[in-house]
Amino acid sequence: MNITKPLLLTLSLSLSACLSTGGSPIKNLNTPTIQSSSLDYLNSESFDNKLSNAMKRADAEIQVSVLNPFFPDNMPERIDAWLTVIKETDGKIETAPAESEKNIDIISIVINLYSVWTTLKDTIEYYLTYSPAKKYNATLLYRRNNEGKTIIEKVVFTYR
């Protein structure tokens, strides 16, 4: 009797049972969890491990706070390594203003709108106040003072 065939059959069935019940310790990375993570960036292996674990859990969003902000042309090597993998696997790397930058934009928009509003309001008030002068002529009545300089004594508006 050949014992190899029953042994192979038993082993195959056991392995297929593990696969069909989801016995794999690695979670499917195609289905993100609802969970979000927040990490502080540190130039350490510990940071890499925490970020890697959050990505293995397939967290929907992982926010990394940078304690020492950096210029885009002076990217820390650890961050650059993560972004390189994203880029090389056809992921998207985008830029967006930080919340504080958005607030500055909103404040600047509000200030500009206020400036436009006051200019418009002043123009309308000016027009409403001074537009009746379109129907009048003006005569400036003057005299010369003791020094011979001309001074206006009266303005007479006459309906046209």
Protein backbone atom coordinates (compact mmCIF):
# COMPACT_ATOMS: atom_id res chain seq x y z
CA MET A 1 0.00 0.00 0.00
CA ASN A 2 1.29 3.37 -0.97
CA ILE A 3 0.99 5.74 2.00
CA THR A 4 2.13 8.81 0.06
CA LYS A 5 -1.17 9.43 -1.74
CA PRO A 6 -3.39 9.47 1.41
CA LEU A 7 -0.80 11.63 3.20
CA LEU A 8 -0.69 14.15 0.35
CA LEU A 9 -4.48 14.20 0.17
CA THR A 10 -4.80 14.83 3.92
CA LEU A 11 -2.15 17.56 3.80
CA SER A 12 -3.83 19.23 0.80
CA LEU A 13 -7.24 19.20 2.48
CA SER A 14 -5.76 20.66 5.68
CA LEU A 15 -4.06 23.50 3.81
CA SER A 16 -7.13 24.30 1.74
CA ALA A 17 -9.23 24.42 4.92
CA CYS A 18 -6.85 27.01 6.39
CA LEU A 19 -7.04 29.13 3.27
CA SER A 20 -10.82 29.00 2.98
CA THR A 21 -11.40 30.05 6.60
CA GLY A 22 -9.23 33.10 6.29
CA GLY A 23 -6.58 31.68 8.59
CA SER A 24 -3.98 34.00 7.07
CA PRO A 25 -2.42 36.34 9.63
CA ILE A 26 -2.05 39.12 7.04
CA LYS A 27 -5.17 41.22 6.58
CA ASN A 28 -6.41 41.98 3.07
CA LEU A 29 -5.00 45.44 2.31
CA ASN A 30 -7.67 46.14 -0.31
CA THR A 31 -10.34 46.78 2.29
CA PRO A 32 -9.55 49.78 4.50
CA THR A 33 -10.81 49.86 8.05
CA ILE A 34 -12.85 52.70 9.49
CA GLN A 35 -10.06 53.32 11.97
CA SER A 36 -7.78 56.36 11.69
CA SER A 37 -4.35 56.82 13.21
CA SER A 38 -2.28 59.77 14.35
CA LEU A 39 1.48 59.55 14.61
CA ASP A 40 4.25 62.00 15.38
CA TYR A 41 7.10 61.94 12.89
CA LEU A 42 10.41 61.02 14.47
CA ASN A 43 13.53 60.12 12.56
CA SER A 44 13.59 56.63 14.04
CA GLU A 45 12.91 53.01 13.24
CA SER A 46 10.12 53.15 15.81
CA PHE A 47 8.26 55.61 13.56
CA ASP A 48 8.68 53.31 10.56
CA ASN A 49 7.29 50.38 12.59
CA LYS A 50 4.26 52.36 13.80
CA LEU A 51 3.47 53.63 10.30
CA SER A 52 3.95 50.17 8.83
CA ASN A 53 1.60 48.63 11.42
CA ALA A 54 -1.06 51.27 10.75
CA MET A 55 -0.81 50.53 7.03
CA LYS A 56 -0.96 46.77 7.65
CA ARG A 57 -4.20 47.34 9.59
CA ALA A 58 -5.40 49.21 6.49
CA ASP A 59 -6.40 52.28 8.50
CA ALA A 60 -8.56 54.56 6.37
CA GLU A 61 -6.41 57.59 7.22
CA ILE A 62 -3.08 57.98 8.94
CA GLN A 63 -2.11 61.51 9.95
CA VAL A 64 1.56 62.11 10.64
CA SER A 65 2.30 65.31 12.56
CA VAL A 66 5.66 66.82 11.76
CA LEU A 67 7.16 68.33 14.91
CA ASN A 68 9.90 70.13 12.95
CA PRO A 69 8.34 71.27 9.65
CA PHE A 70 10.60 70.97 6.62
CA PHE A 71 10.87 72.49 3.16
CA PRO A 72 9.75 70.32 0.22
CA ASP A 73 13.28 70.35 -1.20
CA ASN A 74 14.69 69.14 2.14
CA MET A 75 12.49 66.06 2.65
CA PRO A 76 13.56 63.74 5.49
CA GLU A 77 14.85 60.43 4.13
CA ARG A 78 12.29 58.36 6.07
CA ILE A 79 9.32 60.31 4.69
CA ASP A 80 10.90 60.24 1.23
CA ALA A 81 11.22 56.43 1.44
CA TRP A 82 7.48 56.07 2.15
CA LEU A 83 6.54 58.51 -0.63
CA THR A 84 8.86 56.74 -3.07
CA VAL A 85 7.02 53.43 -2.54
CA ILE A 86 3.68 55.19 -3.09
CA LYS A 87 4.96 56.81 -6.30
CA GLU A 88 6.56 53.64 -7.65
CA THR A 89 3.33 51.68 -7.14
CA ASP A 90 1.28 54.25 -9.10
CA GLY A 91 -0.18 55.85 -5.97
CA LYS A 92 -0.99 59.56 -5.91
CA ILE A 93 1.06 62.15 -4.04
CA GLU A 94 -0.79 65.45 -3.83
CA THR A 95 -0.19 68.78 -2.14
CA ALA A 96 -2.82 70.75 -0.26
CA PRO A 97 -2.72 73.75 2.05
CA ALA A 98 -2.60 72.98 5.76
CA GLU A 99 -5.61 74.06 7.83
CA SER A 100 -3.71 77.10 9.14
CA GLU A 101 -2.97 78.12 5.54
CA LYS A 102 -6.65 77.71 4.64
CA ASN A 103 -7.57 79.99 7.53
CA ILE A 104 -5.18 82.63 6.21
CA ASP A 105 -6.78 82.31 2.78
CA ILE A 106 -10.26 82.67 4.28
CA ILE A 107 -9.19 85.69 6.33
CA SER A 108 -7.61 87.28 3.27
CA ILE A 109 -10.79 86.63 1.24
CA VAL A 110 -12.93 88.17 3.98
CA ILE A 111 -10.65 91.22 4.16
CA ASN A 112 -10.74 91.60 0.37
CA LEU A 113 -14.52 91.22 0.28
CA TYR A 114 -14.85 93.81 3.05
CA SER A 115 -12.58 96.17 1.11
CA VAL A 116 -14.62 95.69 -2.06
CA TRP A 117 -17.84 96.15 -0.10
CA THR A 118 -16.70 99.41 1.52
CA THR A 119 -15.44 100.74 -1.82
CA LEU A 120 -18.74 99.84 -3.47
CA LYS A 121 -20.72 101.31 -0.57
CA ASP A 122 -18.65 104.51 -0.65
CA THR A 123 -19.12 104.77 -4.42
CA ILE A 124 -22.88 104.32 -4.11
CA GLU A 125 -23.07 106.81 -1.25
CA TYR A 126 -20.93 109.24 -3.25
CA TYR A 127 -23.18 108.86 -6.28
CA LEU A 128 -26.39 109.21 -4.26
CA THR A 129 -25.03 112.22 -2.40
CA TYR A 130 -23.41 114.11 -5.27
CA SER A 131 -25.44 113.08 -8.34
CA PRO A 132 -28.00 115.90 -7.88
CA ALA A 133 -25.18 118.34 -8.75
CA LYS A 134 -25.55 117.19 -12.36
CA LYS A 135 -28.51 119.59 -12.63
CA TYR A 136 -26.64 122.64 -11.32
CA ASN A 137 -23.96 125.12 -12.32
CA ALA A 138 -21.69 126.68 -9.72
CA THR A 139 -20.33 130.19 -9.31
CA LEU A 140 -17.46 130.83 -6.94
CA LEU A 141 -17.61 134.36 -5.53
CA TYR A 142 -14.22 135.64 -4.45
CA ARG A 143 -12.43 138.73 -3.22
CA ARG A 144 -8.84 139.68 -2.67
CA ASN A 145 -7.51 139.90 0.86
CA ASN A 146 -5.09 142.57 2.16
CA GLU A 147 -2.16 140.59 0.79
CA GLY A 148 -3.72 140.40 -2.69
CA LYS A 149 -4.51 136.69 -2.54
CA THR A 150 -7.82 135.39 -3.86
CA ILE A 151 -10.16 133.91 -1.27
CA ILE A 152 -13.56 132.32 -1.92
CA GLU A 153 -16.33 133.97 0.04
CA LYS A 154 -19.34 132.18 -1.35
CA VAL A 155 -20.41 129.34 -3.65
CA VAL A 156 -23.69 129.77 -5.51
CA PHE A 157 -25.35 126.73 -7.11
CA THR A 158 -27.79 127.61 -9.89
CA TYR A 159 -30.26 125.14 -11.41
CA ARG A 160 -29.45 124.63 -15.13
